[in-house]
C-alpha atoms as a PDB file:
ATOM      1  CA  MET A   1       6.011   9.806  -5.580  1.00  0.00           C
ATOM      2  CA  LEU A   2       3.903  12.732  -4.193  1.00  0.00           C
ATOM      3  CA  ARG A   3       5.397  15.999  -4.515  1.00  0.00           C
ATOM      4  CA  TYR A   4       3.939  18.942  -2.703  1.00  0.00           C
ATOM      5  CA  VAL A   5       3.486  22.237  -4.306  1.00  0.00           C
ATOM      6  CA  GLU A   6       3.255  25.878  -2.572  1.00  0.00           C
ATOM      7  CA  GLU A   7       5.066  27.849  -4.077  1.00  0.00           C
ATOM      8  CA  PRO A   8       2.386  29.854  -6.385  1.00  0.00           C
ATOM      9  CA  GLU A   9       4.725  30.304  -9.594  1.00  0.00           C
ATOM     10  CA  LYS A  10       5.290  26.476  -9.907  1.00  0.00           C
ATOM     11  CA  VAL A  11       1.536  25.833  -9.269  1.00  0.00           C
ATOM     12  CA  ARG A  12       0.902  28.295 -12.444  1.00  0.00           C
ATOM     13  CA  MET A  13       3.372  26.468 -14.585  1.00  0.00           C
ATOM     14  CA  ALA A  14       1.435  23.388 -14.073  1.00  0.00           C
ATOM     15  CA  LEU A  15      -2.082  24.387 -14.603  1.00  0.00           C
ATOM     16  CA  SER A  16      -2.231  24.844 -18.416  1.00  0.00           C
ATOM     17  CA  PRO A  17      -3.839  21.760 -19.966  1.00  0.00           C
ATOM     18  CA  ILE A  18      -1.323  21.448 -22.283  1.00  0.00           C
ATOM     19  CA  ARG A  19       1.528  21.038 -19.389  1.00  0.00           C
ATOM     20  CA  ARG A  20      -1.010  19.300 -16.934  1.00  0.00           C
ATOM     21  CA  ARG A  21      -0.807  16.553 -20.129  1.00  0.00           C
ATOM     22  CA  LEU A  22       2.629  16.720 -20.728  1.00  0.00           C
ATOM     23  CA  LEU A  23       2.900  15.606 -16.529  1.00  0.00           C
ATOM     24  CA  GLU A  24       0.385  12.844 -16.791  1.00  0.00           C
ATOM     25  CA  LEU A  25       2.383  11.153 -19.676  1.00  0.00           C
ATOM     26  CA  LEU A  26       5.831  11.823 -18.168  1.00  0.00           C
ATOM     27  CA  ARG A  27       5.361   9.678 -15.467  1.00  0.00           C
ATOM     28  CA  GLU A  28       6.715   7.524 -18.373  1.00  0.00           C
ATOM     29  CA  PRO A  29      10.310   8.665 -19.213  1.00  0.00           C
ATOM     30  CA  SER A  30       9.865   9.981 -23.005  1.00  0.00           C
ATOM     31  CA  SER A  31      11.213  12.649 -25.212  1.00  0.00           C
ATOM     32  CA  ALA A  32      10.009  15.514 -26.798  1.00  0.00           C
ATOM     33  CA  THR A  33       9.827  13.843 -30.385  1.00  0.00           C
ATOM     34  CA  GLN A  34       7.727  10.850 -28.868  1.00  0.00           C
ATOM     35  CA  LEU A  35       5.141  13.234 -26.510  1.00  0.00           C
ATOM     36  CA  ALA A  36       4.769  15.064 -29.747  1.00  0.00           C
ATOM     37  CA  ALA A  37       3.534  12.599 -31.354  1.00  0.00           C
ATOM     38  CA  VAL A  38       0.973  11.569 -29.039  1.00  0.00           C
ATOM     39  CA  LEU A  39      -0.248  15.030 -28.356  1.00  0.00           C
ATOM     40  CA  GLU A  40      -0.011  15.732 -32.129  1.00  0.00           C
ATOM     41  CA  LEU A  41       1.453  19.303 -31.703  1.00  0.00           C
ATOM     42  CA  PRO A  42       4.895  20.574 -33.249  1.00  0.00           C
ATOM     43  CA  ARG A  43       8.060  19.105 -31.216  1.00  0.00           C
ATOM     44  CA  GLN A  44       8.917  22.963 -31.381  1.00  0.00           C
ATOM     45  CA  ARG A  45       5.909  23.794 -28.920  1.00  0.00           C
ATOM     46  CA  VAL A  46       6.254  21.085 -27.029  1.00  0.00           C
ATOM     47  CA  ASN A  47       9.936  21.019 -26.483  1.00  0.00           C
ATOM     48  CA  TYR A  48       9.030  24.951 -25.115  1.00  0.00           C
ATOM     49  CA  HIS A  49       6.408  23.184 -22.371  1.00  0.00           C
ATOM     50  CA  LEU A  50       8.775  20.925 -21.412  1.00  0.00           C
ATOM     51  CA  ARG A  51      11.850  23.484 -20.440  1.00  0.00           C
ATOM     52  CA  GLU A  52       9.352  25.517 -18.623  1.00  0.00           C
ATOM     53  CA  LEU A  53       8.077  22.394 -16.557  1.00  0.00           C
ATOM     54  CA  GLU A  54      11.712  21.575 -16.254  1.00  0.00           C
ATOM     55  CA  LYS A  55      12.719  25.434 -14.870  1.00  0.00           C
ATOM     56  CA  ALA A  56       9.810  24.797 -12.239  1.00  0.00           C
ATOM     57  CA  GLY A  57      11.331  21.438 -11.304  1.00  0.00           C
ATOM     58  CA  LEU A  58       8.011  19.947 -12.457  1.00  0.00           C
ATOM     59  CA  VAL A  59      10.238  17.615 -14.775  1.00  0.00           C
ATOM     60  CA  GLU A  60      13.854  16.019 -14.754  1.00  0.00           C
ATOM     61  CA  LEU A  61      16.225  14.338 -17.464  1.00  0.00           C
ATOM     62  CA  VAL A  62      16.767  11.245 -17.233  1.00  0.00           C
ATOM     63  CA  GLU A  63      19.152  10.206 -19.905  1.00  0.00           C
ATOM     64  CA  GLU A  64      20.341  12.183 -22.893  1.00  0.00           C
ATOM     65  CA  ARG A  65      20.923   9.894 -25.899  1.00  0.00           C
ATOM     66  CA  GLN A  66      22.429  10.370 -29.306  1.00  0.00           C
ATOM     67  CA  ARG A  67      20.551  10.732 -32.145  1.00  0.00           C
ATOM     68  CA  ARG A  68      21.032  11.491 -35.836  1.00  0.00           C
ATOM     69  CA  GLY A  69      23.123  14.143 -35.321  1.00  0.00           C
ATOM     70  CA  PHE A  70      21.262  15.926 -32.216  1.00  0.00           C
ATOM     71  CA  THR A  71      20.661  14.974 -28.913  1.00  0.00           C
ATOM     72  CA  GLU A  72      17.431  13.634 -27.609  1.00  0.00           C
ATOM     73  CA  ARG A  73      16.809  14.636 -23.899  1.00  0.00           C
ATOM     74  CA  ILE A  74      14.648  11.913 -22.014  1.00  0.00           C
ATOM     75  CA  LEU A  75      12.381  13.451 -19.526  1.00  0.00           C
ATOM     76  CA  ARG A  76       9.978  12.262 -16.769  1.00  0.00           C
ATOM     77  CA  ALA A  77       7.656  14.289 -14.004  1.00  0.00           C
ATOM     78  CA  SER A  78       9.486  14.494 -10.902  1.00  0.00           C
ATOM     79  CA  ALA A  79       6.952  13.517  -8.864  1.00  0.00           C
ATOM     80  CA  ALA A  80       3.807  10.849  -9.712  1.00  0.00           C
ATOM     81  CA  ILE A  81       1.400  13.056  -7.449  1.00  0.00           C
ATOM     82  CA  LEU A  82       1.357  17.055  -7.079  1.00  0.00           C
ATOM     83  CA  VAL A  83      -0.476  18.361  -4.096  1.00  0.00           C
ATOM     84  CA  VAL A  84      -0.835  22.173  -4.005  1.00  0.00           C
ATOM     85  CA  ASP A  85      -1.329  23.620  -1.048  1.00  0.00           C
ATOM     86  CA  PRO A  86      -5.042  25.364  -0.928  1.00  0.00           C
ATOM     87  CA  ALA A  87      -3.584  28.335   0.409  1.00  0.00           C
ATOM     88  CA  VAL A  88      -1.472  29.045  -2.994  1.00  0.00           C
ATOM     89  CA  MET A  89      -5.075  28.842  -4.748  1.00  0.00           C
ATOM     90  CA  GLY A  90      -6.644  31.500  -2.451  1.00  0.00           C
ATOM     91  CA  ARG A  91      -8.250  29.378   0.045  1.00  0.00           C
ATOM     92  CA  GLY A  92      -6.825  29.841   2.947  1.00  0.00           C
ATOM     93  CA  PHE A  93      -8.819  31.393   5.863  1.00  0.00           C
ATOM     94  CA  THR A  94      -8.142  33.086   9.020  1.00  0.00           C
ATOM     95  CA  GLN A  95      -8.297  31.741  12.159  1.00  0.00           C
ATOM     96  CA  ILE A  96     -12.202  30.618  12.882  1.00  0.00           C
ATOM     97  CA  GLN A  97     -13.319  29.564  15.924  1.00  0.00           C
ATOM     98  CA  ASP A  98     -16.896  28.911  15.095  1.00  0.00           C
ATOM     99  CA  GLN A  99     -16.811  24.815  15.246  1.00  0.00           C
ATOM    100  CA  TYR A 100     -19.739  24.784  13.108  1.00  0.00           C
ATOM    101  CA  ALA A 101     -18.520  27.478  10.429  1.00  0.00           C
ATOM    102  CA  ALA A 102     -18.269  25.321   6.766  1.00  0.00           C
ATOM    103  CA  GLU A 103     -14.887  28.346   6.182  1.00  0.00           C
ATOM    104  CA  HIS A 104     -13.363  26.389   9.629  1.00  0.00           C
ATOM    105  CA  LEU A 105     -13.564  22.921   8.089  1.00  0.00           C
ATOM    106  CA  VAL A 106     -12.048  23.921   5.166  1.00  0.00           C
ATOM    107  CA  ASP A 107      -9.502  25.754   7.139  1.00  0.00           C
ATOM    108  CA  VAL A 108      -8.549  22.879   8.761  1.00  0.00           C
ATOM    109  CA  ALA A 109      -8.566  20.623   6.049  1.00  0.00           C
ATOM    110  CA  SER A 110      -6.688  22.954   4.055  1.00  0.00           C
ATOM    111  CA  GLY A 111      -3.976  22.489   6.823  1.00  0.00           C
ATOM    112  CA  THR A 112      -4.584  18.644   6.925  1.00  0.00           C
ATOM    113  CA  VAL A 113      -3.498  18.700   3.240  1.00  0.00           C
ATOM    114  CA  ARG A 114      -0.399  21.139   3.858  1.00  0.00           C
ATOM    115  CA  ASP A 115       0.815  19.209   6.844  1.00  0.00           C
ATOM    116  CA  VAL A 116       0.477  15.527   5.072  1.00  0.00           C
ATOM    117  CA  ALA A 117       1.446  16.523   1.928  1.00  0.00           C
ATOM    118  CA  ARG A 118       5.018  17.534   3.253  1.00  0.00           C
ATOM    119  CA  MET A 119       5.576  14.801   5.534  1.00  0.00           C
ATOM    120  CA  GLN A 120       4.872  12.638   2.685  1.00  0.00           C
ATOM    121  CA  SER A 121       7.059  14.090   0.369  1.00  0.00           C
ATOM    122  CA  ALA A 122      10.126  13.904   3.254  1.00  0.00           C
ATOM    123  CA  ALA A 123       8.919  10.793   4.249  1.00  0.00           C
ATOM    124  CA  ASP A 124       9.075   9.355   0.407  1.00  0.00           C
ATOM    125  CA  ALA A 125      12.521  11.517  -0.031  1.00  0.00           C
ATOM    126  CA  GLU A 126      14.230   8.962   3.018  1.00  0.00           C
ATOM    127  CA  GLY A 127      12.410   5.977   1.769  1.00  0.00           C
ATOM    128  CA  LYS A 128      10.389   6.040   4.714  1.00  0.00           C
ATOM    129  CA  ARG A 129       6.672   5.117   5.155  1.00  0.00           C
ATOM    130  CA  LEU A 130       4.424   7.594   7.134  1.00  0.00           C
ATOM    131  CA  LEU A 131       1.733   6.615   9.532  1.00  0.00           C
ATOM    132  CA  THR A 132      -1.180   7.909   9.624  1.00  0.00           C
ATOM    133  CA  PHE A 133      -5.031   6.724  10.041  1.00  0.00           C
ATOM    134  CA  THR A 134      -8.418   7.755   9.168  1.00  0.00           C
ATOM    135  CA  LEU A 135     -12.121   7.379  10.471  1.00  0.00           C
ATOM    136  CA  GLU A 136     -14.714   7.741   8.208  1.00  0.00           C
ATOM    137  CA  ALA A 137     -18.462   7.341   8.255  1.00  0.00           C
ATOM    138  CA  GLU A 138     -21.705   8.767   7.331  1.00  0.00           C
ATOM    139  CA  VAL A 139     -24.411   9.105   9.799  1.00  0.00           C
ATOM    140  CA  ARG A 140     -28.169  10.463   8.896  1.00  0.00           C
ATOM    141  CA  PHE A 141     -29.794  13.148  11.027  1.00  0.00           C
ATOM    142  CA  ALA A 142     -33.481  13.080  11.940  1.00  0.00           C
ATOM    143  CA  GLU A 143     -33.535  16.537  12.792  1.00  0.00           C
ATOM    144  CA  PRO A 144     -31.207  19.535  12.182  1.00  0.00           C
ATOM    145  CA  GLY A 145     -30.501  19.880  16.019  1.00  0.00           C
ATOM    146  CA  ASP A 146     -28.945  16.818  16.194  1.00  0.00           C
ATOM    147  CA  VAL A 147     -25.868  17.521  14.540  1.00  0.00           C
ATOM    148  CA  HIS A 148     -24.887  20.305  17.813  1.00  0.00           C
ATOM    149  CA  ALA A 149     -25.940  16.745  20.000  1.00  0.00           C
ATOM    150  CA  PHE A 150     -23.852  14.714  18.106  1.00  0.00           C
ATOM    151  CA  THR A 151     -21.025  16.690  17.972  1.00  0.00           C
ATOM    152  CA  ASP A 152     -20.987  17.103  21.529  1.00  0.00           C
ATOM    153  CA  ALA A 153     -21.099  13.345  22.424  1.00  0.00           C
ATOM    154  CA  LEU A 154     -18.457  12.933  19.623  1.00  0.00           C
ATOM    155  CA  THR A 155     -16.089  15.329  21.520  1.00  0.00           C
ATOM    156  CA  GLU A 156     -16.745  13.799  24.687  1.00  0.00           C
ATOM    157  CA  ALA A 157     -16.283  10.332  23.229  1.00  0.00           C
ATOM    158  CA  VAL A 158     -12.868  11.579  22.233  1.00  0.00           C
ATOM    159  CA  ARG A 159     -11.714  13.788  24.763  1.00  0.00           C
ATOM    160  CA  ARG A 160     -12.082  10.358  27.002  1.00  0.00           C
ATOM    161  CA  THR A 161     -10.030   8.341  24.402  1.00  0.00           C
ATOM    162  CA  VAL A 162      -7.357  10.726  24.070  1.00  0.00           C
ATOM    163  CA  ALA A 163      -6.880  11.051  27.762  1.00  0.00           C
ATOM    164  CA  GLU A 164      -6.698   7.421  27.853  1.00  0.00           C
ATOM    165  CA  PHE A 165      -3.486   6.918  25.211  1.00  0.00           C
ATOM    166  CA  ASP A 166      -1.992  10.537  25.715  1.00  0.00           C
ATOM    167  CA  ALA A 167       1.172   9.507  27.018  1.00  0.00           C
ATOM    168  CA  GLU A 168       4.279  12.197  27.885  1.00  0.00           C
ATOM    169  CA  GLY A 169       6.948  12.117  25.899  1.00  0.00           C
ATOM    170  CA  GLY A 170       5.015  10.350  22.700  1.00  0.00           C
ATOM    171  CA  ARG A 171       5.090  11.143  19.595  1.00  0.00           C
ATOM    172  CA  PRO A 172       2.425  13.886  18.944  1.00  0.00           C
ATOM    173  CA  TYR A 173      -0.752  12.873  16.556  1.00  0.00           C
ATOM    174  CA  ARG A 174      -3.062  15.449  15.414  1.00  0.00           C
ATOM    175  CA  LEU A 175      -6.859  14.209  15.407  1.00  0.00           C
ATOM    176  CA  ILE A 176      -9.358  16.148  13.007  1.00  0.00           C
ATOM    177  CA  ALA A 177     -13.126  15.389  13.262  1.00  0.00           C
ATOM    178  CA  GLY A 178     -15.456  17.319  10.716  1.00  0.00           C
ATOM    179  CA  GLY A 179     -18.402  16.681   9.241  1.00  0.00           C
ATOM    180  CA  HIS A 180     -20.500  18.074   5.596  1.00  0.00           C
ATOM    181  CA  PRO A 181     -23.429  17.539   3.919  1.00  0.00           C
ATOM    182  CA  ALA A 182     -22.900  14.552   1.895  1.00  0.00           C
ATOM    183  CA  PRO A 183     -23.123  14.833  -1.702  1.00  0.00           C
ATOM    184  CA  ARG A 184     -26.234  13.675  -3.228  1.00  0.00           C
ATOM    185  CA  ARG A 185     -26.294  10.472  -5.367  1.00  0.00           C
ATOM    186  CA  THR A 186     -27.445  10.703  -8.735  1.00  0.00           C
ATOM    187  CA  GLU A 187     -28.479   7.004 -10.260  1.00  0.00           C
ATOM    188  CA  GLY A 188     -25.182   5.402 -11.798  1.00  0.00           C
ATOM    189  CA  ASP A 189     -23.508   6.356  -8.817  1.00  0.00           C
ATOM    190  CA  SER A 190     -22.020   3.078  -6.788  1.00  0.00           C
END
Protein backbone atom coordinates (compact mmCIF):
# COMPACT_ATOMS: atom_id res chain seq x y z
CA MET A 1 0.00 0.00 0.00
CA LEU A 2 1.19 3.50 -0.83
CA ARG A 3 0.85 6.43 1.57
CA TYR A 4 1.10 10.06 0.52
CA VAL A 5 2.78 12.30 3.12
CA GLU A 6 2.39 16.05 2.87
CA GLU A 7 2.87 17.11 6.51
CA PRO A 8 6.43 18.42 7.06
CA GLU A 9 6.54 17.08 10.63
CA LYS A 10 5.73 13.52 9.49
CA VAL A 11 8.40 13.74 6.81
CA ARG A 12 10.91 14.96 9.40
CA MET A 13 9.99 12.04 11.65
CA ALA A 14 10.84 9.52 8.92
CA LEU A 15 14.08 11.07 7.65
CA SER A 16 16.68 9.95 10.18
CA PRO A 17 18.67 6.90 9.05
CA ILE A 18 17.53 4.72 11.96
CA ARG A 19 13.86 5.57 11.38
CA ARG A 20 14.13 4.94 7.64
CA ARG A 21 15.69 1.55 8.44
CA LEU A 22 12.94 0.79 10.98
CA LEU A 23 10.25 1.63 8.42
CA GLU A 24 11.96 -0.63 5.91
CA LEU A 25 12.16 -3.52 8.41
CA LEU A 26 8.57 -2.95 9.53
CA ARG A 27 7.20 -3.91 6.15
CA GLU A 28 6.88 -7.18 8.06
CA PRO A 29 5.40 -7.00 11.59
CA SER A 30 8.03 -7.06 14.31
CA SER A 31 8.70 -6.16 17.95
CA ALA A 32 11.20 -3.70 19.40
CA THR A 33 13.21 -6.64 20.76
CA GLN A 34 13.43 -8.28 17.33
CA LEU A 35 14.32 -4.99 15.64
CA ALA A 36 16.95 -4.18 18.27
CA ALA A 37 18.62 -7.54 17.60
CA VAL A 38 18.66 -6.96 13.83
CA LEU A 39 20.00 -3.40 14.19
CA GLU A 40 22.35 -4.30 17.04
CA LEU A 41 21.00 -1.39 19.11
CA PRO A 42 19.63 -1.18 22.66
CA ARG A 43 15.92 -2.04 22.82
CA GLN A 44 15.21 1.23 24.69
CA ARG A 45 16.64 3.26 21.81
CA VAL A 46 14.60 1.31 19.27
CA ASN A 47 11.49 1.71 21.44
CA TYR A 48 11.97 5.50 21.52
CA HIS A 49 12.10 5.72 17.72
CA LEU A 50 9.13 3.36 17.34
CA ARG A 51 7.02 5.52 19.68
CA GLU A 52 7.88 8.62 17.65
CA LEU A 53 7.01 6.86 14.38
CA GLU A 54 3.77 5.60 15.91
CA LYS A 55 2.84 9.14 17.08
CA ALA A 56 3.37 10.35 13.51
CA GLY A 57 1.10 7.58 12.20
CA LEU A 58 3.92 5.96 10.22
CA VAL A 59 3.74 2.65 12.13
CA GLU A 60 0.74 0.88 13.60
CA LEU A 61 0.09 -1.69 16.30
CA VAL A 62 -0.68 -5.15 14.93
CA GLU A 63 -0.99 -7.09 18.19
CA GLU A 64 0.06 -7.25 21.81
CA ARG A 65 1.47 -10.44 23.39
CA GLN A 66 2.14 -11.26 27.03
CA ARG A 67 5.79 -12.38 27.45
CA ARG A 68 7.61 -13.01 30.72
CA GLY A 69 5.68 -10.46 32.74
CA PHE A 70 5.56 -7.67 30.13
CA THR A 71 3.54 -6.83 27.06
CA GLU A 72 5.34 -7.24 23.74
CA ARG A 73 3.99 -4.89 21.08
CA ILE A 74 4.10 -6.05 17.45
CA LEU A 75 4.20 -3.14 14.99
CA ARG A 76 4.32 -2.70 11.23
CA ALA A 77 4.73 0.22 8.85
CA SER A 78 1.40 1.81 8.05
CA ALA A 79 2.36 1.78 4.34
CA ALA A 80 4.87 -0.17 2.23
CA ILE A 81 5.76 2.97 0.29
CA LEU A 82 5.84 6.57 1.49
CA VAL A 83 5.55 9.21 -1.22
CA VAL A 84 6.54 12.67 -0.02
CA ASP A 85 4.98 15.75 -1.55
CA PRO A 86 7.92 17.45 -3.30
CA ALA A 87 6.69 20.85 -2.07
CA VAL A 88 7.38 19.69 1.50
CA MET A 89 11.03 19.29 0.57
CA GLY A 90 11.16 22.91 -0.62
CA ARG A 91 10.89 22.08 -4.30
CA GLY A 92 7.64 23.87 -5.04
CA PHE A 93 7.88 26.54 -7.68
CA THR A 94 5.53 29.33 -8.61
CA GLN A 95 3.69 28.81 -11.88
CA ILE A 96 6.08 29.45 -14.74
CA GLN A 97 4.68 29.84 -18.21
CA ASP A 98 7.90 29.09 -20.11
CA GLN A 99 7.31 25.59 -21.48
CA TYR A 100 11.07 25.21 -22.00
CA ALA A 101 12.09 26.09 -18.42
CA ALA A 102 13.42 23.25 -16.26
CA GLU A 103 11.67 24.80 -13.25
CA HIS A 104 8.32 24.45 -15.00
CA LEU A 105 9.00 20.75 -15.75
CA VAL A 106 9.90 20.15 -12.09
CA ASP A 107 6.76 22.01 -10.95
CA VAL A 108 4.51 19.96 -13.25
CA ALA A 109 6.23 16.71 -12.23
CA SER A 110 5.84 17.63 -8.54
CA GLY A 111 2.14 18.30 -9.06
CA THR A 112 1.80 14.96 -10.82
CA VAL A 113 3.50 13.12 -7.94
CA ARG A 114 1.23 14.90 -5.45
CA ASP A 115 -2.01 14.28 -7.37
CA VAL A 116 -1.35 10.65 -8.33
CA ALA A 117 -0.05 9.74 -4.86
CA ARG A 118 -3.18 11.21 -3.22
CA MET A 119 -5.49 9.41 -5.63
CA GLN A 120 -3.53 6.12 -5.28
CA SER A 121 -3.73 6.35 -1.47
CA ALA A 122 -7.49 6.93 -1.67
CA ALA A 123 -7.93 4.06 -4.17
CA ASP A 124 -5.88 1.72 -1.94
CA ALA A 125 -8.00 2.66 1.08
CA GLU A 126 -11.15 1.78 -0.88
CA GLY A 127 -9.65 -1.40 -2.34
CA LYS A 128 -9.89 0.01 -5.85
CA ARG A 129 -7.45 0.32 -8.73
CA LEU A 130 -6.43 3.73 -10.07
CA LEU A 131 -6.50 3.65 -13.88
CA THR A 132 -3.51 5.53 -15.28
CA PHE A 133 -1.31 5.35 -18.34
CA THR A 134 2.28 6.30 -19.07
CA LEU A 135 4.01 7.17 -22.32
CA GLU A 136 7.78 7.15 -22.33
CA ALA A 137 10.22 7.46 -25.21
CA GLU A 138 13.72 8.63 -25.93
CA VAL A 139 14.52 10.80 -28.94
CA ARG A 140 17.93 12.00 -30.19
CA PHE A 141 18.04 15.52 -31.62
CA ALA A 142 20.67 16.41 -34.23
CA GLU A 143 20.56 20.13 -33.41
CA PRO A 144 19.47 22.03 -30.27
CA GLY A 145 16.86 23.93 -32.29
CA ASP A 146 15.17 20.63 -33.17
CA VAL A 147 13.80 20.49 -29.61
CA HIS A 148 11.50 23.43 -30.38
CA ALA A 149 10.34 22.02 -33.72
CA PHE A 150 9.70 18.64 -32.09
CA THR A 151 7.73 20.28 -29.26
CA ASP A 152 5.58 22.18 -31.76
CA ALA A 153 4.91 18.99 -33.78
CA LEU A 154 4.13 16.96 -30.63
CA THR A 155 1.81 19.71 -29.35
CA GLU A 156 -0.13 19.64 -32.63
CA ALA A 157 -0.36 15.82 -32.63
CA VAL A 158 -1.61 15.82 -29.04
CA ARG A 159 -4.12 18.61 -29.82
CA ARG A 160 -5.57 16.56 -32.70
CA THR A 161 -5.71 13.35 -30.61
CA VAL A 162 -7.34 15.13 -27.68
CA ALA A 163 -9.93 16.67 -30.03
CA GLU A 164 -10.73 13.18 -31.36
CA PHE A 165 -11.25 11.54 -27.94
CA ASP A 166 -12.51 14.39 -25.76
CA ALA A 167 -16.12 13.65 -24.77
CA GLU A 168 -18.38 16.16 -23.04
CA GLY A 169 -19.31 14.76 -19.62
CA GLY A 170 -16.58 12.09 -19.73
CA ARG A 171 -14.08 11.41 -16.98
CA PRO A 172 -11.29 14.00 -17.31
CA TYR A 173 -7.68 12.82 -17.48
CA ARG A 174 -4.62 15.01 -17.30
CA LEU A 175 -1.96 14.39 -19.94
CA ILE A 176 1.55 15.62 -19.25
CA ALA A 177 4.43 15.43 -21.70
CA GLY A 178 7.84 16.61 -20.67
CA GLY A 179 11.33 16.14 -21.88
CA HIS A 180 14.77 16.39 -20.34
CA PRO A 181 18.23 15.28 -21.33
CA ALA A 182 18.67 11.56 -20.70
CA PRO A 183 21.27 10.80 -18.04
CA ARG A 184 24.61 9.79 -19.51
CA ARG A 185 25.17 6.07 -19.33
CA THR A 186 28.43 4.73 -18.00
CA GLU A 187 30.01 1.35 -18.52
CA GLY A 188 28.14 -1.23 -16.51
CA ASP A 189 24.75 0.53 -16.89
CA SER A 190 22.27 -1.68 -18.65
